[in-house]
N, C-alpha and C. Protein backbone atom coordinates (compact mmCIF):
# COMPACT_ATOMS: atom_id res chain seq x y z
N MET A 1 96.55 97.51 101.58
CA MET A 1 95.61 96.58 100.98
C MET A 1 95.01 95.69 102.06
N ARG A 2 93.73 95.46 101.93
CA ARG A 2 93.02 94.60 102.85
C ARG A 2 92.49 93.39 102.08
N ASP A 3 92.29 92.29 102.81
CA ASP A 3 91.73 91.08 102.20
C ASP A 3 90.22 91.07 102.41
N TYR A 4 89.50 90.76 101.33
CA TYR A 4 88.04 90.69 101.37
C TYR A 4 87.57 89.38 100.78
N GLU A 5 86.34 89.04 101.15
CA GLU A 5 85.67 87.88 100.57
C GLU A 5 84.25 88.33 100.24
N THR A 6 83.79 88.00 99.06
CA THR A 6 82.42 88.32 98.70
C THR A 6 81.74 87.08 98.14
N LEU A 7 80.50 86.93 98.52
CA LEU A 7 79.66 85.86 97.99
C LEU A 7 78.45 86.53 97.38
N TYR A 8 78.17 86.20 96.13
CA TYR A 8 76.99 86.77 95.50
C TYR A 8 76.20 85.69 94.78
N ILE A 9 74.91 85.94 94.67
CA ILE A 9 73.98 84.98 94.05
C ILE A 9 73.39 85.63 92.81
N ILE A 10 73.57 84.97 91.69
CA ILE A 10 73.08 85.45 90.39
C ILE A 10 71.81 84.69 90.05
N ASP A 11 70.90 85.36 89.36
CA ASP A 11 69.65 84.74 88.90
C ASP A 11 69.98 83.55 88.00
N PRO A 12 69.52 82.35 88.35
CA PRO A 12 69.86 81.16 87.55
C PRO A 12 69.18 81.10 86.19
N GLU A 13 68.22 81.99 85.96
CA GLU A 13 67.52 82.01 84.67
C GLU A 13 68.38 82.63 83.56
N LEU A 14 69.45 83.31 83.93
CA LEU A 14 70.32 83.93 82.93
C LEU A 14 71.08 82.86 82.14
N GLU A 15 71.44 83.22 80.92
CA GLU A 15 72.23 82.33 80.07
C GLU A 15 73.64 82.17 80.66
N ALA A 16 74.33 81.12 80.30
CA ALA A 16 75.69 80.87 80.80
C ALA A 16 76.64 82.00 80.42
N ASP A 17 76.47 82.55 79.21
CA ASP A 17 77.32 83.67 78.79
C ASP A 17 77.08 84.91 79.64
N ALA A 18 75.82 85.17 79.97
CA ALA A 18 75.49 86.34 80.78
C ALA A 18 76.06 86.20 82.19
N ILE A 19 76.03 84.99 82.74
CA ILE A 19 76.60 84.75 84.06
C ILE A 19 78.11 84.99 84.01
N LYS A 20 78.76 84.48 82.97
CA LYS A 20 80.21 84.67 82.82
C LYS A 20 80.56 86.15 82.70
N GLN A 21 79.74 86.90 81.98
CA GLN A 21 79.97 88.34 81.83
C GLN A 21 79.87 89.06 83.16
N LEU A 22 78.88 88.67 83.99
CA LEU A 22 78.74 89.31 85.30
C LEU A 22 79.95 89.01 86.19
N VAL A 23 80.41 87.76 86.19
CA VAL A 23 81.57 87.39 87.00
C VAL A 23 82.79 88.19 86.54
N ASP A 24 82.99 88.30 85.23
CA ASP A 24 84.11 89.08 84.70
C ASP A 24 83.97 90.57 85.02
N LYS A 25 82.74 91.08 84.98
CA LYS A 25 82.48 92.48 85.30
C LYS A 25 82.89 92.79 86.74
N PHE A 26 82.50 91.93 87.68
CA PHE A 26 82.82 92.17 89.09
C PHE A 26 84.32 92.05 89.34
N LYS A 27 84.96 91.12 88.65
CA LYS A 27 86.41 90.98 88.76
C LYS A 27 87.09 92.24 88.22
N GLY A 28 86.59 92.75 87.12
CA GLY A 28 87.14 93.95 86.51
C GLY A 28 87.02 95.18 87.38
N VAL A 29 85.95 95.29 88.15
CA VAL A 29 85.77 96.43 89.05
C VAL A 29 86.91 96.49 90.06
N ILE A 30 87.27 95.34 90.61
CA ILE A 30 88.36 95.29 91.59
C ILE A 30 89.70 95.63 90.92
N GLU A 31 89.95 95.05 89.77
CA GLU A 31 91.23 95.25 89.09
C GLU A 31 91.41 96.69 88.59
N GLU A 32 90.30 97.34 88.20
CA GLU A 32 90.38 98.74 87.75
C GLU A 32 90.84 99.66 88.87
N LYS A 33 90.48 99.34 90.10
CA LYS A 33 90.83 100.17 91.25
C LYS A 33 92.17 99.77 91.87
N GLY A 34 92.93 98.93 91.20
CA GLY A 34 94.27 98.56 91.69
C GLY A 34 94.28 97.36 92.61
N GLY A 35 93.17 96.68 92.77
CA GLY A 35 93.11 95.48 93.60
C GLY A 35 93.49 94.25 92.81
N SER A 36 93.58 93.13 93.52
CA SER A 36 93.88 91.87 92.84
C SER A 36 92.93 90.78 93.34
N VAL A 37 92.47 89.98 92.41
CA VAL A 37 91.56 88.87 92.72
C VAL A 37 92.40 87.61 92.88
N GLN A 38 92.35 86.99 94.07
CA GLN A 38 93.11 85.77 94.30
C GLN A 38 92.39 84.54 93.76
N GLU A 39 91.07 84.48 93.98
CA GLU A 39 90.35 83.27 93.63
C GLU A 39 88.90 83.59 93.33
N ILE A 40 88.36 82.93 92.31
CA ILE A 40 86.93 82.98 92.02
C ILE A 40 86.46 81.54 91.99
N ASP A 41 85.57 81.22 92.91
CA ASP A 41 85.05 79.85 93.03
C ASP A 41 83.57 79.86 92.67
N GLU A 42 83.24 79.34 91.51
CA GLU A 42 81.84 79.28 91.08
C GLU A 42 81.23 77.99 91.59
N TRP A 43 80.31 78.12 92.53
CA TRP A 43 79.66 76.95 93.13
C TRP A 43 78.56 76.40 92.24
N GLY A 44 78.06 77.21 91.34
CA GLY A 44 77.00 76.78 90.45
C GLY A 44 75.62 76.94 91.06
N LYS A 45 74.64 76.27 90.46
CA LYS A 45 73.26 76.37 90.94
C LYS A 45 73.10 75.60 92.25
N ARG A 46 72.51 76.27 93.21
CA ARG A 46 72.21 75.66 94.51
C ARG A 46 70.82 76.08 94.94
N ARG A 47 70.22 75.26 95.75
CA ARG A 47 68.90 75.57 96.30
C ARG A 47 69.05 76.64 97.38
N LEU A 48 68.16 77.62 97.36
CA LEU A 48 68.18 78.69 98.35
C LEU A 48 67.50 78.23 99.65
N ALA A 49 67.90 78.82 100.76
CA ALA A 49 67.29 78.49 102.05
C ALA A 49 65.85 78.99 102.11
N TYR A 50 65.56 80.08 101.40
CA TYR A 50 64.22 80.64 101.33
C TYR A 50 64.06 81.30 99.97
N PRO A 51 62.85 81.44 99.48
CA PRO A 51 62.66 82.04 98.15
C PRO A 51 63.10 83.50 98.11
N ILE A 52 63.77 83.87 97.02
CA ILE A 52 64.15 85.25 96.75
C ILE A 52 63.58 85.60 95.38
N ASN A 53 62.73 86.61 95.35
CA ASN A 53 62.08 87.02 94.09
C ASN A 53 61.37 85.84 93.42
N HIS A 54 60.72 85.02 94.21
CA HIS A 54 59.98 83.85 93.74
C HIS A 54 60.86 82.79 93.09
N ARG A 55 62.13 82.80 93.39
CA ARG A 55 63.07 81.80 92.88
C ARG A 55 63.48 80.88 94.02
N ARG A 56 63.65 79.61 93.71
CA ARG A 56 64.07 78.62 94.71
C ARG A 56 65.54 78.25 94.56
N GLU A 57 66.18 78.66 93.45
CA GLU A 57 67.59 78.36 93.20
C GLU A 57 68.33 79.64 92.85
N GLY A 58 69.65 79.58 93.01
CA GLY A 58 70.50 80.69 92.63
C GLY A 58 71.86 80.17 92.20
N TYR A 59 72.59 80.97 91.44
CA TYR A 59 73.92 80.61 90.98
C TYR A 59 74.92 81.33 91.90
N TYR A 60 75.63 80.56 92.72
CA TYR A 60 76.52 81.10 93.75
C TYR A 60 77.94 81.28 93.22
N VAL A 61 78.55 82.42 93.59
CA VAL A 61 79.95 82.69 93.24
C VAL A 61 80.65 83.27 94.47
N LEU A 62 81.79 82.69 94.83
CA LEU A 62 82.62 83.17 95.94
C LEU A 62 83.89 83.77 95.35
N MET A 63 84.22 85.01 95.76
CA MET A 63 85.41 85.67 95.23
C MET A 63 86.24 86.22 96.39
N ASN A 64 87.53 85.88 96.40
CA ASN A 64 88.48 86.42 97.37
C ASN A 64 89.36 87.43 96.66
N PHE A 65 89.54 88.61 97.29
CA PHE A 65 90.34 89.64 96.66
C PHE A 65 91.02 90.53 97.69
N SER A 66 92.07 91.22 97.25
CA SER A 66 92.77 92.22 98.06
C SER A 66 92.62 93.56 97.38
N SER A 67 92.28 94.57 98.16
CA SER A 67 92.13 95.91 97.59
C SER A 67 92.09 96.93 98.71
N ASN A 68 92.03 98.19 98.32
CA ASN A 68 91.82 99.24 99.31
C ASN A 68 90.31 99.34 99.57
N PRO A 69 89.90 99.99 100.65
CA PRO A 69 88.46 100.08 100.97
C PRO A 69 87.63 100.76 99.89
N ASP A 70 88.22 101.67 99.12
CA ASP A 70 87.47 102.34 98.06
C ASP A 70 87.00 101.35 97.00
N ALA A 71 87.83 100.38 96.67
CA ALA A 71 87.46 99.39 95.65
C ALA A 71 86.32 98.52 96.16
N ALA A 72 86.34 98.16 97.43
CA ALA A 72 85.25 97.35 98.00
C ALA A 72 83.93 98.13 97.99
N ARG A 73 84.00 99.43 98.30
CA ARG A 73 82.80 100.27 98.26
C ARG A 73 82.29 100.40 96.83
N ASP A 74 83.20 100.52 95.88
CA ASP A 74 82.81 100.63 94.48
C ASP A 74 82.16 99.33 94.00
N LEU A 75 82.71 98.20 94.44
CA LEU A 75 82.11 96.91 94.08
C LEU A 75 80.70 96.81 94.63
N GLU A 76 80.49 97.27 95.86
CA GLU A 76 79.15 97.23 96.45
C GLU A 76 78.19 98.12 95.66
N ARG A 77 78.67 99.27 95.22
CA ARG A 77 77.84 100.16 94.41
C ARG A 77 77.42 99.48 93.11
N VAL A 78 78.36 98.78 92.48
CA VAL A 78 78.06 98.07 91.24
C VAL A 78 77.08 96.92 91.50
N PHE A 79 77.26 96.21 92.63
CA PHE A 79 76.32 95.15 92.99
C PHE A 79 74.89 95.70 93.08
N LYS A 80 74.74 96.87 93.70
CA LYS A 80 73.41 97.44 93.92
C LYS A 80 72.70 97.79 92.62
N ILE A 81 73.43 98.20 91.59
CA ILE A 81 72.78 98.65 90.35
C ILE A 81 72.75 97.58 89.25
N THR A 82 73.26 96.39 89.54
CA THR A 82 73.32 95.33 88.53
C THR A 82 72.05 94.50 88.57
N SER A 83 71.37 94.42 87.42
CA SER A 83 70.20 93.55 87.35
C SER A 83 70.67 92.11 87.14
N GLY A 84 69.92 91.17 87.65
CA GLY A 84 70.30 89.77 87.55
C GLY A 84 71.02 89.28 88.79
N LEU A 85 71.31 90.18 89.72
CA LEU A 85 71.97 89.81 90.97
C LEU A 85 70.90 89.74 92.05
N MET A 86 70.83 88.61 92.75
CA MET A 86 69.78 88.41 93.74
C MET A 86 70.21 88.88 95.14
N ARG A 87 71.41 88.49 95.57
CA ARG A 87 71.94 88.88 96.88
C ARG A 87 73.46 88.94 96.80
N TYR A 88 74.06 89.67 97.75
CA TYR A 88 75.52 89.74 97.84
C TYR A 88 75.91 90.04 99.27
N LEU A 89 77.16 89.73 99.59
CA LEU A 89 77.73 90.05 100.89
C LEU A 89 79.23 90.22 100.71
N ILE A 90 79.77 91.34 101.21
CA ILE A 90 81.21 91.58 101.17
C ILE A 90 81.70 91.63 102.62
N VAL A 91 82.72 90.82 102.93
CA VAL A 91 83.24 90.72 104.29
C VAL A 91 84.75 90.97 104.26
N LYS A 92 85.22 91.80 105.21
CA LYS A 92 86.66 92.01 105.35
C LYS A 92 87.21 90.85 106.18
N LYS A 93 88.23 90.19 105.65
CA LYS A 93 88.84 89.06 106.35
C LYS A 93 89.77 89.55 107.44
N GLU A 94 89.73 88.91 108.57
CA GLU A 94 90.64 89.22 109.66
C GLU A 94 91.90 88.39 109.48
N LYS A 95 93.04 88.94 109.88
CA LYS A 95 94.30 88.23 109.72
C LYS A 95 94.54 87.26 110.83
């Protein structure tokens, strides 16, 4: 198992329930593949450094998890096909 950290930005125009569903969906992807989520830190709406898709704000979520590399690749695949997601980054943590 490796430790990972991912930060993703969700479209702030989505309803609160839709945002919660996306966060739960991404957590579920890791858990389905045998990984474990240590922490999910929802930063909330923040101003972006530059406009993305004509938006000036985004809903930031930071998630720390442990999994095998296949689960991280699967999470990235899900990020790519999910509408309502503006940006994401998955980083392997060094020990």
